[in-house]
Amino acid sequence: MSVSYRNKSERKKALPKWWGGLESFIIISVPIVIGHVYNPDDPFFINSAFPWLIISTVLVALRYGFLYGLVSVLSVVLLYALEYELLRSTAIQEKEYVFFIGVAIVTMLSGEFRDYWQKNIDILQHSNYYRQIRLDEFTRSFHLLKRSHEQLQMRLGECGQNIREVLQSLIKLLSQEKEISLNERVAESVLGIMVEHGYLHQAALLPWNEDEAQLIAQPLACVGEVFSIDVSDDLVQACLKSRKLVSIRQDAVESEEETFNTQYQVVIPLIDCEEHLYGIVLVKKISFFAFEARNLRLLSVLAGSAADYINYARYVRIYHDEDDQCLLFRVNLKRSIYNRKVYGVPGMLVLMKVERNEMGGDFVALVEQMRRGLDVLCRKDGSETYKLLLLLPVTDEIGLQGYFSRLRSIVKERIGQTLDTLGVEIWHVETKSERAVSKVLEKAGMGDEVTRI
């Protein structure tokens, strides 16, 4: 009879094989010894009102099975035969034969009963042991997969550099369009960037009819398999109501305290920092690993930046006599403040003043050369000084210090002086506070133009 163990410690705690024989001998001997002490005329309780001897043999059978029970009965019969025929020289009577046959039958039935259920128990133990091994393997695989998934999320959903690269790609793509408005070409460009960096599989971009204040069910651009468009969908209506990205993620909709009956996974509004809605992006299917907060934030920032670029093009058409650079600066400044408040995306505003002379002009030229893809520069020159307003989107304090370090090195190398000897005055603030930004704008001579374009 095989015995299974769930682990090594259980195997070590198992009793040795000889212990079964010893325990069976003790169980059988106890009633016989008691019988010889208290009932010497009938020590095997054959003529008693109850056959007490059968208890010991049945216990052995129930404890160790059919074989041990049979051996215990044969041992008792052998002992009885030795005592009564050899020691007492009396023949075994028919009643005594019947008694031992009855004891043997009951004992063997008990042993067979025990073996049957022990076999079932062993099968269940082996099955459970196999399941435990598989569960352990699954648990290890699950933790490895979970860790791998977390690392993949950190890699793909990393905020800083990803947002900068995506926005640079978007601006580069939109700048190639001759007319910036939410037409089919622009919609395809915006949706293509979202698909590439947001890992969308099925999505459509629907325009917003501002005159009728409703969505147009005919999409301007689609990606993936064609799917049904339902502008009355709960998730779509929730997005139009909140004017923010809404998804089926519980943490994204729990503030609404309602259950959405929807066929979509994410709805992204194309809304600029002045709350002008241009359309929405319906996402029917998105990659599983991309369906997390950081990637959804990236999609929100991307959609908002696309809407701001359309808004900027609209203002360029309105203000024909104003410098496009300053218009672009103010639009991006409002977007940076909005991104910092809503999404926690950092941004820095820098004001630099330098005397209006030859070296000052060289310094201004160096700053313009150092401008990165997302950086926006606006000049407000006075009669005696150059005033440079530099917006550094997706840049925190550490990134700003790196920018200043590069600026000092280039000024030292190209002009041969330091910022102090050039007389450069620098102010910088984070874009999280409109009040702090307004003070910097006032120093630049632009007045309080944070909320006005």
Protein backbone atom coordinates (compact mmCIF):
# COMPACT_ATOMS: atom_id res chain seq x y z
CA MET A 1 0.00 0.00 0.00
CA SER A 2 1.54 3.28 -1.12
CA VAL A 3 1.32 6.39 1.01
CA SER A 4 1.65 9.87 -0.57
CA TYR A 5 3.07 12.93 1.13
CA ARG A 6 2.48 16.56 0.20
CA ASN A 7 6.02 17.66 1.09
CA LYS A 8 9.33 16.46 2.54
CA SER A 9 8.55 17.57 6.09
CA GLU A 10 5.38 15.43 6.07
CA ARG A 11 7.41 12.45 4.84
CA LYS A 12 9.92 12.91 7.69
CA LYS A 13 7.10 12.99 10.25
CA ALA A 14 5.64 9.66 8.97
CA LEU A 15 5.98 6.66 11.33
CA PRO A 16 8.37 3.81 10.40
CA LYS A 17 6.87 0.58 8.98
CA TRP A 18 7.72 -1.55 12.01
CA TRP A 19 5.61 0.71 14.20
CA GLY A 20 2.41 -0.75 12.66
CA GLY A 21 3.33 -4.28 13.74
CA LEU A 22 4.25 -3.13 17.24
CA GLU A 23 1.05 -1.14 17.69
CA SER A 24 -1.06 -4.07 16.39
CA PHE A 25 0.62 -6.43 18.86
CA ILE A 26 -0.10 -4.04 21.72
CA ILE A 27 -3.75 -3.58 20.70
CA ILE A 28 -4.28 -7.36 20.55
CA SER A 29 -2.38 -8.11 23.73
CA VAL A 30 -4.22 -5.66 25.97
CA PRO A 31 -7.65 -7.41 26.01
CA ILE A 32 -6.02 -10.86 26.24
CA VAL A 33 -3.93 -9.79 29.23
CA ILE A 34 -6.99 -8.20 30.84
CA GLY A 35 -8.94 -11.41 30.22
CA HIS A 36 -6.25 -13.56 31.87
CA VAL A 37 -6.17 -11.22 34.88
CA TYR A 38 -9.87 -10.58 35.47
CA ASN A 39 -11.49 -13.54 33.71
CA PRO A 40 -9.02 -16.48 33.87
CA ASP A 41 -11.74 -19.07 33.20
CA ASP A 42 -12.56 -17.46 29.83
CA PRO A 43 -9.67 -15.06 28.97
CA PHE A 44 -10.74 -14.78 25.30
CA PHE A 45 -14.34 -13.86 26.27
CA ILE A 46 -15.79 -16.64 24.13
CA ASN A 47 -18.62 -17.41 26.56
CA SER A 48 -19.20 -13.79 27.61
CA ALA A 49 -22.34 -11.83 26.81
CA PHE A 50 -20.28 -9.70 24.38
CA PRO A 51 -17.19 -10.84 22.42
CA TRP A 52 -14.81 -8.14 23.71
CA LEU A 53 -11.88 -9.65 21.84
CA ILE A 54 -13.37 -8.55 18.54
CA ILE A 55 -12.78 -4.88 19.46
CA SER A 56 -8.99 -5.29 19.30
CA THR A 57 -8.96 -7.07 15.93
CA VAL A 58 -11.42 -4.61 14.39
CA LEU A 59 -9.33 -1.70 15.68
CA VAL A 60 -6.23 -3.16 14.03
CA ALA A 61 -8.14 -3.70 10.78
CA LEU A 62 -9.55 -0.17 10.81
CA ARG A 63 -6.13 1.27 11.65
CA TYR A 64 -3.91 -0.65 9.21
CA GLY A 65 -6.21 -2.52 6.83
CA PHE A 66 -7.19 -6.00 5.74
CA LEU A 67 -3.76 -7.64 5.94
CA TYR A 68 -2.97 -6.47 9.47
CA GLY A 69 -6.48 -7.43 10.59
CA LEU A 70 -6.14 -10.94 9.14
CA VAL A 71 -2.73 -11.40 10.76
CA SER A 72 -4.13 -10.23 14.11
CA VAL A 73 -7.01 -12.74 13.92
CA LEU A 74 -4.62 -15.58 12.98
CA SER A 75 -2.34 -14.55 15.83
CA VAL A 76 -5.24 -14.69 18.31
CA VAL A 77 -6.36 -18.10 16.97
CA LEU A 78 -2.79 -19.43 17.16
CA LEU A 79 -2.42 -18.16 20.69
CA TYR A 80 -5.76 -19.72 21.69
CA ALA A 81 -4.76 -23.05 20.11
CA LEU A 82 -1.41 -23.09 21.89
CA GLU A 83 -2.98 -22.26 25.24
CA TYR A 84 -5.94 -24.62 25.12
CA GLU A 85 -4.52 -27.62 23.28
CA LEU A 86 -0.91 -27.60 24.38
CA LEU A 87 -1.10 -26.04 27.83
CA ARG A 88 -4.54 -27.20 28.93
CA SER A 89 -4.84 -30.29 26.70
CA THR A 90 -8.48 -29.60 25.87
CA ALA A 91 -9.90 -29.82 22.38
CA ILE A 92 -11.36 -26.77 20.68
CA GLN A 93 -15.12 -27.05 20.56
CA GLU A 94 -17.44 -26.19 17.68
CA LYS A 95 -18.71 -23.07 19.45
CA GLU A 96 -15.18 -21.78 19.66
CA TYR A 97 -14.62 -22.41 15.93
CA VAL A 98 -17.76 -20.44 15.12
CA PHE A 99 -16.63 -17.62 17.43
CA PHE A 100 -13.23 -17.21 15.74
CA ILE A 101 -14.76 -17.54 12.28
CA GLY A 102 -17.17 -14.72 13.19
CA VAL A 103 -14.31 -12.59 14.56
CA ALA A 104 -12.31 -13.23 11.39
CA ILE A 105 -15.23 -12.29 9.10
CA VAL A 106 -16.01 -9.04 10.95
CA THR A 107 -12.31 -8.14 11.10
CA MET A 108 -11.73 -8.82 7.41
CA LEU A 109 -14.85 -6.83 6.44
CA SER A 110 -13.60 -3.92 8.55
CA GLY A 111 -10.16 -4.19 6.97
CA GLU A 112 -11.64 -4.31 3.47
CA PHE A 113 -13.78 -1.27 4.28
CA ARG A 114 -10.72 0.59 5.50
CA ASP A 115 -8.64 -0.39 2.44
CA TYR A 116 -11.38 0.73 0.08
CA TRP A 117 -11.63 4.18 1.58
CA GLN A 118 -7.89 4.45 2.04
CA LYS A 119 -7.49 3.77 -1.68
CA ASN A 120 -9.93 6.59 -2.44
CA ILE A 121 -8.11 8.86 -0.03
CA ASP A 122 -4.77 8.02 -1.67
CA ILE A 123 -6.22 8.84 -5.08
CA LEU A 124 -7.49 12.15 -3.77
CA GLN A 125 -4.14 12.86 -2.11
CA HIS A 126 -2.24 12.15 -5.32
CA SER A 127 -4.69 14.32 -7.24
CA ASN A 128 -4.38 17.07 -4.65
CA TYR A 129 -0.60 16.76 -4.69
CA TYR A 130 -0.61 17.16 -8.47
CA ARG A 131 -2.92 20.17 -8.23
CA GLN A 132 -0.68 21.68 -5.56
CA ILE A 133 2.35 21.32 -7.84
CA ARG A 134 0.44 22.92 -10.71
CA LEU A 135 -0.81 25.69 -8.42
CA ASP A 136 2.73 26.41 -7.25
CA GLU A 137 3.91 26.56 -10.86
CA PHE A 138 0.99 28.82 -11.76
CA THR A 139 1.69 31.07 -8.77
CA ARG A 140 5.35 31.44 -9.73
CA SER A 141 4.39 32.10 -13.34
CA PHE A 142 1.76 34.59 -12.24
CA HIS A 143 4.23 36.58 -10.13
CA LEU A 144 6.79 36.53 -12.93
CA LEU A 145 4.15 37.68 -15.39
CA LYS A 146 2.93 40.35 -12.98
CA ARG A 147 6.44 41.66 -12.49
CA SER A 148 7.07 41.57 -16.23
CA HIS A 149 3.78 43.39 -16.80
CA GLU A 150 4.73 46.09 -14.25
CA GLN A 151 8.09 46.59 -15.92
CA LEU A 152 6.41 46.79 -19.31
CA GLN A 153 3.96 49.35 -17.95
CA MET A 154 6.81 51.40 -16.52
CA ARG A 155 8.61 51.25 -19.85
CA LEU A 156 5.64 52.03 -22.07
CA GLY A 157 3.78 54.34 -19.73
CA GLU A 158 6.73 56.42 -18.60
CA CYS A 159 5.56 60.00 -18.51
CA GLY A 160 8.38 62.43 -19.27
CA GLN A 161 10.25 61.34 -22.35
CA ASN A 162 7.28 59.55 -23.91
CA ILE A 163 5.05 62.63 -23.78
CA ARG A 164 7.82 64.81 -25.19
CA GLU A 165 8.49 62.44 -28.10
CA VAL A 166 4.80 61.96 -28.85
CA LEU A 167 4.06 65.69 -28.82
CA GLN A 168 7.07 66.36 -31.03
CA SER A 169 5.79 63.77 -33.50
CA LEU A 170 2.32 65.33 -33.43
CA ILE A 171 3.56 68.89 -33.99
CA LYS A 172 5.89 67.78 -36.75
CA LEU A 173 3.05 65.95 -38.47
CA LEU A 174 0.53 68.77 -38.12
CA SER A 175 3.02 71.44 -39.20
CA GLN A 176 3.15 69.77 -42.61
CA GLU A 177 -0.55 70.50 -43.18
CA LYS A 178 -1.31 73.63 -45.18
CA GLU A 179 -4.64 74.28 -43.47
CA ILE A 180 -5.06 73.30 -39.84
CA SER A 181 -8.66 72.40 -39.03
CA LEU A 182 -10.37 69.20 -38.07
CA ASN A 183 -10.59 67.82 -41.58
CA GLU A 184 -10.00 64.26 -42.75
CA ARG A 185 -6.24 64.67 -43.21
CA VAL A 186 -5.72 66.19 -39.77
CA ALA A 187 -8.04 63.60 -38.20
CA GLU A 188 -6.06 60.77 -39.80
CA SER A 189 -2.80 62.30 -38.57
CA VAL A 190 -4.06 62.73 -34.99
CA LEU A 191 -5.61 59.25 -34.88
CA GLY A 192 -2.45 57.73 -36.39
CA ILE A 193 -0.30 59.21 -33.62
CA MET A 194 -2.73 57.91 -30.99
CA VAL A 195 -2.72 54.45 -32.51
CA GLU A 196 1.07 54.36 -32.69
CA HIS A 197 1.79 55.60 -29.17
CA GLY A 198 -1.45 54.70 -27.35
CA TYR A 199 -1.68 51.12 -28.68
CA LEU A 200 -5.24 51.44 -30.00
CA HIS A 201 -6.60 48.61 -32.16
CA GLN A 202 -10.07 49.88 -33.02
CA ALA A 203 -10.85 53.58 -32.89
CA ALA A 204 -12.71 56.34 -34.73
CA LEU A 205 -12.57 60.14 -34.59
CA LEU A 206 -15.96 61.90 -34.66
CA PRO A 207 -16.23 65.67 -35.31
CA TRP A 208 -18.27 68.03 -33.15
CA ASN A 209 -20.82 70.30 -34.78
CA GLU A 210 -20.54 73.51 -32.78
CA ASP A 211 -23.54 75.19 -34.40
CA GLU A 212 -25.91 72.34 -33.55
CA ALA A 213 -23.99 71.35 -30.39
CA GLN A 214 -23.94 67.67 -31.24
CA LEU A 215 -21.63 64.93 -32.45
CA ILE A 216 -21.61 63.89 -36.07
CA ALA A 217 -21.99 60.12 -36.27
CA GLN A 218 -19.96 59.96 -39.48
CA PRO A 219 -16.28 59.51 -38.45
CA LEU A 220 -13.53 61.54 -40.12
CA ALA A 221 -10.97 58.78 -39.59
CA CYS A 222 -11.05 55.14 -38.47
CA VAL A 223 -8.53 52.48 -37.60
CA GLY A 224 -8.97 48.72 -37.29
CA GLU A 225 -12.12 46.80 -38.06
CA VAL A 226 -15.25 48.80 -38.71
CA PHE A 227 -17.56 49.01 -35.69
CA SER A 228 -20.93 50.60 -35.00
CA ILE A 229 -21.05 54.25 -33.93
CA ASP A 230 -23.52 55.13 -31.18
CA VAL A 231 -23.38 58.78 -30.09
CA SER A 232 -26.00 58.09 -27.40
CA ASP A 233 -23.73 55.55 -25.68
CA ASP A 234 -23.44 56.10 -21.92
CA LEU A 235 -19.66 56.43 -22.04
CA VAL A 236 -19.88 58.98 -24.89
CA GLN A 237 -22.47 61.03 -23.02
CA ALA A 238 -20.36 60.91 -19.84
CA CYS A 239 -17.38 62.21 -21.81
CA LEU A 240 -19.42 65.07 -23.30
CA LYS A 241 -20.76 65.91 -19.87
CA SER A 242 -17.42 65.93 -18.05
CA ARG A 243 -15.37 67.05 -21.11
CA LYS A 244 -12.61 64.73 -19.94
CA LEU A 245 -11.33 61.31 -20.91
CA VAL A 246 -13.69 58.60 -19.65
CA SER A 247 -12.98 54.88 -19.65
CA ILE A 248 -14.49 51.70 -18.28
CA ARG A 249 -11.73 51.60 -15.69
CA GLN A 250 -13.43 51.74 -12.29
CA ASP A 251 -11.08 54.40 -10.96
CA ALA A 252 -11.85 56.58 -13.99
CA VAL A 253 -15.62 56.52 -13.54
CA GLU A 254 -16.09 55.99 -9.81
CA SER A 255 -16.58 59.71 -9.24
CA GLU A 256 -19.75 59.50 -11.32
CA GLU A 257 -21.11 56.74 -9.07
CA GLU A 258 -22.91 55.05 -11.94
CA THR A 259 -22.60 51.96 -14.07
CA PHE A 260 -22.01 52.54 -17.78
CA ASN A 261 -23.87 50.51 -20.36
CA THR A 262 -21.34 50.89 -23.14
CA GLN A 263 -19.73 49.11 -26.04
CA TYR A 264 -16.58 51.25 -25.93
CA GLN A 265 -13.52 51.11 -23.69
CA VAL A 266 -12.28 54.70 -23.82
CA VAL A 267 -13.69 58.00 -25.06
CA ILE A 268 -11.20 60.86 -25.50
CA PRO A 269 -12.33 64.45 -26.12
CA LEU A 270 -10.37 66.75 -28.46
CA ILE A 271 -10.77 69.81 -26.27
CA ASP A 272 -8.36 72.72 -26.06
CA CYS A 273 -7.34 74.64 -22.95
CA GLU A 274 -10.15 77.16 -23.61
CA GLU A 275 -12.78 74.37 -23.45
CA HIS A 276 -13.49 74.41 -27.18
CA LEU A 277 -14.57 70.91 -28.24
CA TYR A 278 -13.57 69.80 -31.75
CA GLY A 279 -14.50 66.13 -31.59
CA ILE A 280 -14.01 62.86 -29.73
CA VAL A 281 -12.05 59.67 -30.24
CA LEU A 282 -14.04 56.47 -29.67
CA VAL A 283 -11.84 53.56 -28.68
CA LYS A 284 -13.45 50.19 -29.20
CA LYS A 285 -10.36 48.11 -28.42
CA ILE A 286 -7.05 48.96 -26.75
CA SER A 287 -4.11 46.75 -25.80
CA PHE A 288 -4.45 45.21 -22.34
CA PHE A 289 -1.08 46.41 -21.05
CA ALA A 290 -1.81 49.93 -22.35
CA PHE A 291 -5.11 50.17 -20.49
CA GLU A 292 -3.60 51.89 -17.47
CA ALA A 293 -3.59 55.37 -15.99
CA ARG A 294 -0.33 56.67 -17.43
CA ASN A 295 -1.14 55.67 -20.97
CA LEU A 296 -4.64 57.15 -20.70
CA ARG A 297 -3.07 60.36 -19.43
CA LEU A 298 -0.77 60.36 -22.45
CA LEU A 299 -3.78 60.03 -24.76
CA SER A 300 -5.54 62.91 -22.97
CA VAL A 301 -2.52 65.20 -23.28
CA LEU A 302 -2.09 64.22 -26.92
CA ALA A 303 -5.73 64.93 -27.77
CA GLY A 304 -5.63 68.26 -25.92
CA SER A 305 -2.43 69.33 -27.66
CA ALA A 306 -3.95 68.51 -31.06
CA ALA A 307 -6.99 70.63 -30.18
CA ASP A 308 -4.69 73.47 -29.06
CA TYR A 309 -2.83 73.34 -32.35
CA ILE A 310 -6.16 73.68 -34.20
CA ASN A 311 -7.05 76.53 -31.84
CA TYR A 312 -3.70 78.21 -32.54
CA ALA A 313 -4.33 78.02 -36.29
CA ARG A 314 -7.71 79.64 -35.71
CA TYR A 315 -6.12 82.53 -33.80
CA VAL A 316 -3.46 83.00 -36.49
CA ARG A 317 -6.28 83.60 -38.95
CA ILE A 318 -7.90 86.10 -36.56
CA TYR A 319 -4.83 88.08 -35.47
CA HIS A 320 -3.10 88.79 -38.75
CA ASP A 321 -1.02 91.61 -37.31
CA GLU A 322 0.32 89.73 -34.29
CA ASP A 323 3.53 87.77 -34.12
CA ASP A 324 2.76 84.08 -34.67
CA GLN A 325 5.50 83.17 -32.21
CA CYS A 326 3.86 85.00 -29.32
CA LEU A 327 0.46 83.53 -30.21
CA LEU A 328 1.97 80.05 -30.18
CA PHE A 329 3.68 80.86 -26.89
CA ARG A 330 0.46 81.91 -25.19
CA VAL A 331 -1.49 78.92 -26.48
CA ASN A 332 1.21 76.52 -25.28
CA LEU A 333 1.50 78.34 -21.95
CA LYS A 334 -2.20 77.82 -21.26
CA ARG A 335 -1.88 74.17 -22.27
CA SER A 336 1.12 73.71 -19.96
CA ILE A 337 -0.79 75.22 -17.04
CA TYR A 338 -3.78 72.98 -17.82
CA ASN A 339 -1.63 69.86 -18.11
CA ARG A 340 0.07 70.63 -14.80
CA LYS A 341 -3.23 71.12 -12.96
CA VAL A 342 -5.19 68.24 -14.48
CA TYR A 343 -2.59 65.60 -15.38
CA GLY A 344 0.42 66.56 -13.26
CA VAL A 345 2.66 66.99 -16.33
CA PRO A 346 5.47 69.39 -15.32
CA GLY A 347 6.37 72.58 -17.16
CA MET A 348 8.68 75.53 -16.58
CA LEU A 349 8.49 79.20 -17.62
CA VAL A 350 11.78 81.12 -17.86
CA LEU A 351 12.32 84.86 -18.33
CA MET A 352 15.79 86.08 -19.29
CA LYS A 353 16.83 89.73 -19.61
CA VAL A 354 20.10 90.93 -21.12
CA GLU A 355 21.39 94.31 -22.26
CA ARG A 356 20.69 95.23 -25.84
CA ASN A 357 24.23 95.23 -27.27
CA GLU A 358 26.38 93.02 -29.47
CA MET A 359 27.04 90.39 -26.80
CA GLY A 360 23.41 90.49 -25.78
CA GLY A 361 22.43 89.77 -29.38
CA ASP A 362 24.85 86.85 -29.48
CA PHE A 363 23.31 85.51 -26.27
CA VAL A 364 19.79 85.73 -27.75
CA ALA A 365 20.98 83.88 -30.85
CA LEU A 366 22.44 81.10 -28.67
CA VAL A 367 19.17 80.74 -26.74
CA GLU A 368 17.25 80.46 -30.02
CA GLN A 369 19.70 77.80 -31.26
CA MET A 370 19.34 75.81 -28.03
CA ARG A 371 15.55 75.68 -28.30
CA ARG A 372 14.33 72.09 -28.35
CA GLY A 373 11.44 70.70 -30.34
CA LEU A 374 8.72 71.45 -27.78
CA ASP A 375 10.24 74.64 -26.34
CA VAL A 376 8.47 77.86 -27.30
CA LEU A 377 10.34 81.18 -27.32
CA CYS A 378 8.72 84.60 -27.29
CA ARG A 379 10.74 87.85 -27.51
CA LYS A 380 9.51 91.09 -25.96
CA ASP A 381 12.42 93.41 -26.60
CA GLY A 382 12.65 96.76 -24.92
CA SER A 383 14.64 99.82 -25.93
CA GLU A 384 17.54 98.84 -23.65
CA THR A 385 17.13 95.12 -23.04
CA TYR A 386 16.28 91.88 -24.78
CA LYS A 387 13.50 90.01 -23.00
CA LEU A 388 13.21 86.30 -23.73
CA LEU A 389 10.24 84.29 -22.50
CA LEU A 390 10.99 80.58 -22.80
CA LEU A 391 8.39 77.90 -22.16
CA LEU A 392 9.78 74.44 -21.41
CA PRO A 393 6.86 71.95 -21.53
CA VAL A 394 7.27 68.51 -19.94
CA THR A 395 10.25 69.79 -17.95
CA ASP A 396 10.69 69.68 -14.18
CA GLU A 397 13.24 71.35 -11.87
CA ILE A 398 15.90 68.76 -12.66
CA GLY A 399 15.39 69.24 -16.39
CA LEU A 400 15.56 73.02 -15.94
CA GLN A 401 18.86 72.78 -14.09
CA GLY A 402 20.19 70.64 -16.93
CA TYR A 403 19.08 73.30 -19.42
CA PHE A 404 20.85 76.05 -17.45
CA SER A 405 23.98 73.91 -17.20
CA ARG A 406 24.06 73.47 -20.99
CA LEU A 407 23.37 77.19 -21.47
CA ARG A 408 26.30 78.18 -19.24
CA SER A 409 28.63 75.79 -21.06
CA ILE A 410 27.64 77.07 -24.52
CA VAL A 411 27.87 80.75 -23.46
CA LYS A 412 31.31 80.10 -21.99
CA GLU A 413 32.41 78.30 -25.17
CA ARG A 414 30.89 80.61 -27.82
CA ILE A 415 31.02 84.04 -26.20
CA GLY A 416 33.82 83.48 -23.70
CA GLN A 417 31.90 84.90 -20.74
CA THR A 418 29.59 83.73 -18.00
CA LEU A 419 25.96 84.62 -17.49
CA ASP A 420 26.92 86.88 -14.60
CA THR A 421 29.50 88.85 -16.59
CA LEU A 422 26.99 89.23 -19.41
CA GLY A 423 24.52 90.66 -16.93
CA VAL A 424 21.82 88.09 -17.67
CA GLU A 425 18.88 88.23 -15.24
CA ILE A 426 16.86 85.02 -14.94
CA TRP A 427 13.49 84.27 -13.38
CA HIS A 428 11.79 80.92 -13.56
CA VAL A 429 8.56 79.41 -12.17
CA GLU A 430 6.60 76.19 -12.54
CA THR A 431 3.45 76.40 -14.61
CA LYS A 432 1.31 75.05 -11.77
CA SER A 433 0.39 78.54 -10.49
CA GLU A 434 -1.26 81.13 -12.71
CA ARG A 435 -0.40 83.84 -10.18
CA ALA A 436 3.33 83.05 -10.30
CA VAL A 437 3.20 82.87 -14.10
CA SER A 438 1.42 86.27 -14.24
CA LYS A 439 4.21 87.89 -12.24
CA VAL A 440 6.81 86.64 -14.70
CA LEU A 441 4.72 87.88 -17.62
CA GLU A 442 4.45 91.28 -15.98
CA LYS A 443 8.22 91.44 -15.64
CA ALA A 444 8.43 90.70 -19.37
CA GLY A 445 6.06 93.57 -20.16
CA MET A 446 3.24 91.31 -21.35
CA GLY A 447 0.85 92.11 -18.52
CA ASP A 448 -1.50 89.46 -17.16
CA GLU A 449 -2.06 87.45 -20.32
CA VAL A 450 -2.34 83.95 -18.89
CA THR A 451 -6.09 83.67 -19.46
CA ARG A 452 -6.45 85.91 -22.48
CA ILE A 453 -5.37 85.46 -26.07
